[in-house]
């Protein structure tokens, strides 16, 4: 609290004093409002959910060329966590690099089947045993364009355009007993897929440097089809 006592000063002498107090107080009020400029570095921690596509899937054909080309693990959604490092080129434009680990699914089951006999034959049984798991690493770079909203300086919408590589890995053991030879498979695989993505999001600044962000992306890869990602994260700007 600032208390000014000016009983002995004329009004004209007190005006410079009041102007000086306003100039000192003005920066204190504006410290919580973000200031955008080139050369700022931003670090972010992002968690997300992925939807659709065949991300983190295990195909029997991946470890055995003679096996049926079926996907054993194809989750409809899976979570990811990662980090992003960005540098601002101007008030509106940023470039960023990102790495994320996408947790896949795991399937373990054993099932017995009764096979109806062929004409003149005898009935048989078939046992199928599956143990499969997969995960993906997302490495990408992107450009972000920020929109400055004067009426809401803490809320900053932005657009995203980027591309990178998805590294999928998995392990599969598929045993079929009672069928023709060559249907059992066991092994692991590592594959790389080029992908591009686009989307948008909103940043909300708690202070002039730190805040929370929500974003949505659409990934397009020829091998993995199109899938989406909904992400949430916190960020901090170093100046």
Protein backbone atom coordinates (compact mmCIF):
# COMPACT_ATOMS: atom_id res chain seq x y z
CA UNK A 1 0.00 0.00 0.00
CA UNK A 2 1.31 3.48 -0.91
CA UNK A 3 0.14 6.46 1.16
CA UNK A 4 0.92 9.92 -0.20
CA UNK A 5 0.69 12.93 2.15
CA UNK A 6 0.79 16.20 0.24
CA UNK A 7 -0.55 18.87 2.61
CA UNK A 8 2.28 21.34 2.10
CA UNK A 9 2.72 20.98 -1.69
CA UNK A 10 0.78 23.02 -4.23
CA UNK A 11 -1.29 21.03 -6.72
CA UNK A 12 1.04 21.78 -9.61
CA UNK A 13 4.01 20.35 -7.64
CA UNK A 14 2.14 17.12 -6.79
CA UNK A 15 1.30 16.24 -10.43
CA UNK A 16 4.84 15.02 -11.31
CA UNK A 17 4.84 12.90 -8.16
CA UNK A 18 1.54 11.23 -9.10
CA UNK A 19 2.74 10.60 -12.67
CA UNK A 20 5.87 8.98 -11.30
CA UNK A 21 3.83 6.64 -9.08
CA UNK A 22 1.69 5.59 -12.08
CA UNK A 23 4.76 4.81 -14.17
CA UNK A 24 6.14 2.62 -11.37
CA UNK A 25 2.83 0.78 -10.87
CA UNK A 26 2.14 0.17 -14.57
CA UNK A 27 4.80 -2.56 -15.08
CA UNK A 28 3.60 -4.38 -11.97
CA UNK A 29 0.08 -4.64 -13.42
CA UNK A 30 1.28 -5.85 -16.82
CA UNK A 31 3.62 -8.58 -15.61
CA UNK A 32 0.92 -11.26 -15.78
CA UNK A 33 0.07 -10.51 -19.43
CA UNK A 34 2.11 -12.44 -22.05
CA UNK A 35 4.40 -10.43 -24.31
CA UNK A 36 5.21 -12.05 -27.68
CA UNK A 37 8.43 -11.42 -29.56
CA UNK A 38 11.04 -13.30 -31.54
CA UNK A 39 13.77 -15.31 -29.86
CA UNK A 40 11.74 -16.71 -26.96
CA UNK A 41 12.23 -20.40 -26.09
CA UNK A 42 9.30 -22.48 -24.85
CA UNK A 43 9.31 -25.86 -23.17
CA UNK A 44 6.14 -27.95 -22.86
CA UNK A 45 5.04 -31.26 -21.33
CA UNK A 46 2.10 -32.80 -23.21
CA UNK A 47 -0.19 -35.74 -22.55
CA UNK A 48 -2.62 -36.94 -25.22
CA UNK A 49 -5.09 -39.56 -26.42
CA UNK A 50 -4.98 -40.97 -29.95
CA UNK A 51 -8.04 -42.15 -31.86
CA UNK A 52 -8.52 -44.29 -34.94
CA UNK A 53 -6.07 -45.59 -37.50
CA UNK A 54 -3.90 -48.63 -36.89
CA UNK A 55 -1.38 -47.00 -34.58
CA UNK A 56 0.45 -49.44 -32.29
CA UNK A 57 -0.94 -52.52 -34.04
CA UNK A 58 0.69 -55.91 -34.37
CA UNK A 59 0.07 -57.83 -37.58
CA UNK A 60 0.84 -61.53 -37.72
CA UNK A 61 2.34 -60.97 -41.20
CA UNK A 62 4.96 -58.66 -39.60
CA UNK A 63 6.79 -61.60 -38.01
CA UNK A 64 5.79 -64.41 -40.36
CA UNK A 65 5.23 -63.84 -44.06
CA UNK A 66 3.15 -67.04 -44.31
CA UNK A 67 0.75 -66.10 -41.55
CA UNK A 68 -2.71 -64.65 -42.09
CA UNK A 69 -2.45 -60.84 -42.50
CA UNK A 70 -4.58 -60.03 -39.48
CA UNK A 71 -4.07 -57.28 -36.90
CA UNK A 72 -3.90 -58.80 -33.43
CA UNK A 73 -3.64 -55.49 -31.56
CA UNK A 74 -5.44 -52.48 -33.01
CA UNK A 75 -6.58 -50.17 -30.18
CA UNK A 76 -9.25 -47.57 -30.89
CA UNK A 77 -7.49 -45.16 -28.55
CA UNK A 78 -4.25 -45.06 -26.60
CA UNK A 79 -2.43 -42.50 -24.48
CA UNK A 80 0.85 -40.74 -25.06
CA UNK A 81 3.21 -38.48 -23.15
CA UNK A 82 5.98 -36.33 -24.50
CA UNK A 83 7.82 -33.04 -24.55
CA UNK A 84 8.16 -30.16 -26.97
CA UNK A 85 10.78 -27.45 -27.42
CA UNK A 86 9.89 -24.37 -29.48
CA UNK A 87 11.47 -21.07 -30.45
CA UNK A 88 9.53 -18.04 -31.62
CA UNK A 89 10.66 -16.46 -34.90
CA UNK A 90 8.30 -13.51 -34.54
CA UNK A 91 5.29 -12.37 -32.57
CA UNK A 92 3.10 -14.91 -34.35
CA UNK A 93 5.35 -17.66 -35.70
CA UNK A 94 7.01 -20.54 -33.79
CA UNK A 95 8.91 -23.64 -34.87
CA UNK A 96 8.96 -26.68 -32.58
CA UNK A 97 10.41 -30.17 -32.26
CA UNK A 98 8.61 -32.87 -30.30
CA UNK A 99 9.09 -36.39 -29.05
CA UNK A 100 6.34 -38.56 -27.59
CA UNK A 101 5.89 -42.14 -26.43
CA UNK A 102 2.57 -43.68 -27.48
CA UNK A 103 1.59 -46.56 -25.25
CA UNK A 104 0.05 -49.43 -27.16
CA UNK A 105 -2.19 -52.27 -26.14
CA UNK A 106 -1.49 -55.79 -24.94
CA UNK A 107 -3.44 -58.94 -25.81
CA UNK A 108 -3.07 -62.37 -24.18
CA UNK A 109 -5.55 -65.17 -24.68
CA UNK A 110 -5.89 -68.90 -25.38
CA UNK A 111 -8.96 -70.27 -27.12
CA UNK A 112 -10.03 -73.78 -28.14
CA UNK A 113 -12.21 -74.26 -31.23
CA UNK A 114 -14.26 -77.28 -32.31
CA UNK A 115 -13.94 -77.90 -36.04
CA UNK A 116 -16.84 -79.67 -37.73
CA UNK A 117 -15.75 -82.81 -39.58
CA UNK A 118 -15.54 -82.92 -43.34
CA UNK A 119 -17.74 -85.52 -45.09
CA UNK A 120 -16.44 -88.93 -44.11
CA UNK A 121 -13.92 -87.39 -41.67
CA UNK A 122 -13.71 -86.97 -37.92
CA UNK A 123 -14.13 -83.89 -35.76
CA UNK A 124 -10.99 -82.08 -34.61
CA UNK A 125 -10.12 -79.32 -32.19
CA UNK A 126 -7.87 -76.34 -32.70
CA UNK A 127 -6.16 -74.25 -30.04
CA UNK A 128 -5.09 -70.65 -30.71
CA UNK A 129 -2.79 -68.88 -28.29
CA UNK A 130 -1.85 -65.19 -28.70
CA UNK A 131 0.56 -62.96 -26.78
CA UNK A 132 1.00 -59.57 -28.46
CA UNK A 133 1.98 -56.03 -27.48
CA UNK A 134 2.99 -52.85 -29.33
CA UNK A 135 4.00 -49.23 -28.84
CA UNK A 136 5.00 -46.22 -30.95
CA UNK A 137 7.44 -43.31 -30.70
CA UNK A 138 6.42 -40.06 -32.42
CA UNK A 139 9.25 -37.73 -33.55
CA UNK A 140 8.13 -34.62 -35.41
CA UNK A 141 8.72 -30.96 -36.19
CA UNK A 142 6.03 -28.36 -36.72
CA UNK A 143 5.21 -24.72 -37.33
CA UNK A 144 2.75 -22.92 -35.08
CA UNK A 145 0.99 -19.66 -35.89
CA UNK A 146 -0.37 -17.68 -32.94
CA UNK A 147 -3.32 -15.30 -33.11
CA UNK A 148 -3.16 -12.38 -30.69
CA UNK A 149 -6.61 -11.46 -29.35
CA UNK A 150 -6.45 -7.95 -27.88
CA UNK A 151 -9.61 -8.32 -25.81
CA UNK A 152 -8.38 -11.60 -24.27
CA UNK A 153 -4.58 -11.24 -23.95
CA UNK A 154 -4.26 -14.38 -21.82
CA UNK A 155 -6.06 -16.61 -24.38
CA UNK A 156 -4.03 -17.34 -27.54
CA UNK A 157 -5.43 -19.57 -30.33
CA UNK A 158 -2.93 -21.15 -32.74
CA UNK A 159 -2.71 -23.34 -35.85
CA UNK A 160 -0.35 -26.30 -36.40
CA UNK A 161 1.29 -27.78 -39.49
CA UNK A 162 4.09 -30.34 -39.33
CA UNK A 163 5.50 -33.74 -40.16
CA UNK A 164 7.76 -36.45 -38.83
CA UNK A 165 8.35 -40.14 -38.30
CA UNK A 166 6.36 -42.73 -36.33
CA UNK A 167 8.47 -45.64 -35.10
CA UNK A 168 6.28 -48.64 -34.25
CA UNK A 169 7.60 -51.70 -32.45
CA UNK A 170 5.98 -54.86 -31.19
CA UNK A 171 6.29 -58.47 -30.14
CA UNK A 172 4.00 -61.29 -31.16
CA UNK A 173 3.65 -64.97 -30.31
CA UNK A 174 0.85 -66.70 -32.22
CA UNK A 175 0.53 -70.47 -31.82
CA UNK A 176 -2.12 -72.48 -33.64
CA UNK A 177 -2.24 -76.18 -32.78
CA UNK A 178 -4.34 -78.52 -34.90
CA UNK A 179 -4.18 -76.53 -38.16
CA UNK A 180 -1.99 -76.83 -41.22
CA UNK A 181 1.73 -76.11 -40.66
CA UNK A 182 3.03 -72.55 -41.01
CA UNK A 183 0.30 -70.79 -39.06
CA UNK A 184 2.33 -70.41 -35.83
CA UNK A 185 4.44 -67.26 -35.51
CA UNK A 186 6.82 -65.73 -32.98
CA UNK A 187 9.03 -62.68 -33.23
CA UNK A 188 9.34 -58.91 -32.98
CA UNK A 189 9.35 -56.06 -35.48
CA UNK A 190 10.36 -52.40 -35.88
CA UNK A 191 8.81 -50.25 -38.58
CA UNK A 192 9.04 -46.57 -39.53
CA UNK A 193 6.22 -44.53 -41.06
CA UNK A 194 6.36 -40.99 -42.44
CA UNK A 195 3.41 -38.87 -41.33
CA UNK A 196 2.15 -35.30 -41.67
CA UNK A 197 -0.17 -33.59 -39.22
CA UNK A 198 -2.26 -30.44 -38.92
CA UNK A 199 -4.57 -28.98 -36.32
CA UNK A 200 -5.05 -26.19 -33.85
CA UNK A 201 -5.22 -25.35 -30.19
CA UNK A 202 -5.57 -22.70 -27.51
CA UNK A 203 -3.03 -21.47 -24.97
CA UNK A 204 -4.09 -19.89 -21.68
CA UNK A 205 -1.45 -17.94 -19.75
CA UNK A 206 -1.58 -18.01 -15.94
CA UNK A 207 1.38 -15.62 -15.86
CA UNK A 208 3.34 -13.83 -18.56
CA UNK A 209 5.44 -16.99 -19.12
CA UNK A 210 3.54 -20.06 -17.92
CA UNK A 211 0.22 -21.54 -18.88
CA UNK A 212 -1.95 -24.43 -20.04
CA UNK A 213 -2.72 -25.57 -23.59
CA UNK A 214 -5.28 -27.78 -25.33
CA UNK A 215 -4.88 -28.90 -28.93
CA UNK A 216 -6.26 -31.30 -31.52
CA UNK A 217 -4.31 -32.83 -34.41
CA UNK A 218 -5.04 -35.03 -37.39
CA UNK A 219 -2.23 -37.35 -38.55
CA UNK A 220 -2.09 -38.77 -42.05
CA UNK A 221 0.19 -41.68 -42.90
CA UNK A 222 -0.17 -43.93 -45.93
CA UNK A 223 0.59 -47.08 -43.92
CA UNK A 224 -1.29 -46.26 -40.73
CA UNK A 225 -4.29 -44.45 -42.22
CA UNK A 226 -5.66 -41.26 -40.68
CA UNK A 227 -5.89 -40.90 -36.91
CA UNK A 228 -6.49 -38.07 -34.45
CA UNK A 229 -4.85 -36.82 -31.28
CA UNK A 230 -6.31 -34.74 -28.46
CA UNK A 231 -3.60 -33.26 -26.24
CA UNK A 232 -3.34 -31.35 -22.97
CA UNK A 233 -0.19 -29.77 -21.61
CA UNK A 234 1.60 -27.14 -19.58
CA UNK A 235 4.30 -24.82 -20.92
CA UNK A 236 6.86 -22.25 -19.78
CA UNK A 237 8.60 -19.58 -21.85
CA UNK A 238 12.26 -18.71 -21.26
CA UNK A 239 13.27 -15.19 -22.28
